Protein backbone atom coordinates (compact mmCIF):
# COMPACT_ATOMS: atom_id res chain seq x y z
CA MET A 1 53.89 32.50 -137.26
CA LYS A 2 57.50 32.93 -136.14
CA LYS A 3 58.38 32.40 -132.49
CA ILE A 4 61.62 32.95 -130.62
CA ARG A 5 62.27 30.31 -127.98
CA ALA A 6 65.10 29.46 -125.61
CA ILE A 7 66.24 26.58 -123.44
CA TYR A 8 68.80 26.56 -120.66
CA ILE A 9 71.60 24.09 -121.44
CA GLY A 10 71.80 22.85 -117.84
CA ASP A 11 68.16 21.73 -117.94
CA ALA A 12 68.89 19.23 -120.73
CA ARG A 13 70.20 16.72 -118.16
CA PHE A 14 66.72 16.32 -116.62
CA ASN A 15 63.78 14.26 -117.91
CA GLN A 16 61.94 17.44 -118.86
CA CYS A 17 63.42 20.65 -120.19
CA PRO A 18 61.50 23.93 -119.75
CA VAL A 19 61.08 26.00 -122.89
CA PHE A 20 60.91 29.79 -122.77
CA GLU A 21 59.22 31.93 -125.42
CA LEU A 22 59.89 35.59 -126.09
CA ASN A 23 56.90 37.80 -125.35
CA VAL A 24 57.57 40.78 -127.62
CA GLU A 25 55.09 42.94 -125.72
CA THR A 26 56.90 42.60 -122.38
CA ASN A 27 60.41 41.83 -123.72
CA TYR A 28 60.67 38.79 -121.44
CA PHE A 29 61.31 35.13 -122.18
CA GLU A 30 58.45 33.36 -120.37
CA MET A 31 58.34 29.66 -119.49
CA LEU A 32 55.64 28.04 -121.59
CA ILE A 33 54.18 25.97 -118.74
CA ASP A 34 54.45 28.73 -116.10
CA LYS A 35 54.33 32.30 -117.40
CA GLU A 36 55.24 33.64 -113.94
CA PHE A 37 58.75 32.22 -114.41
CA ARG A 38 60.55 34.54 -116.83
CA TYR A 39 63.84 36.21 -117.73
CA GLU A 40 64.53 39.59 -119.30
CA LYS A 41 65.34 39.29 -123.00
CA GLU A 42 68.80 40.82 -122.55
CA CYS A 43 69.71 38.37 -119.77
CA VAL A 44 68.90 35.37 -121.97
CA GLU A 45 70.69 36.83 -124.99
CA GLU A 46 73.85 37.58 -122.99
CA ASP A 47 73.96 34.23 -121.13
CA ASN A 48 76.01 31.63 -123.03
CA ASP A 49 74.13 28.85 -121.20
CA PHE A 50 70.93 29.60 -123.14
CA LEU A 51 70.28 28.31 -126.64
CA ILE A 52 67.95 30.54 -128.66
CA PHE A 53 65.90 29.25 -131.58
CA LYS A 54 63.64 30.69 -134.24
CA VAL A 55 60.61 28.41 -134.63
CA GLU A 56 58.59 28.73 -137.82
CA ASN A 57 56.35 26.19 -139.57
CA ASP A 58 57.26 23.49 -137.00
CA ARG A 59 60.96 23.93 -137.81
CA ALA A 60 63.46 25.12 -135.18
CA THR A 61 66.61 26.93 -136.28
CA LEU A 62 69.39 27.73 -133.83
CA ILE A 63 70.10 31.47 -133.61
CA LYS A 64 72.58 31.44 -130.72
């Protein structure tokens, strides 16, 4: 199953880095550990401080 995930570059400096996953039904990137924390898909795609990955078969490939 293919997933689209994103991380915010600025969070990489901390001990833990939140991961967001695209919910295709709502068109929001939702934080995996707290689904209430989310960003609109377009906001993440247009923000150069987010890295977006395709995750498939335990392999992550950078999209943007």
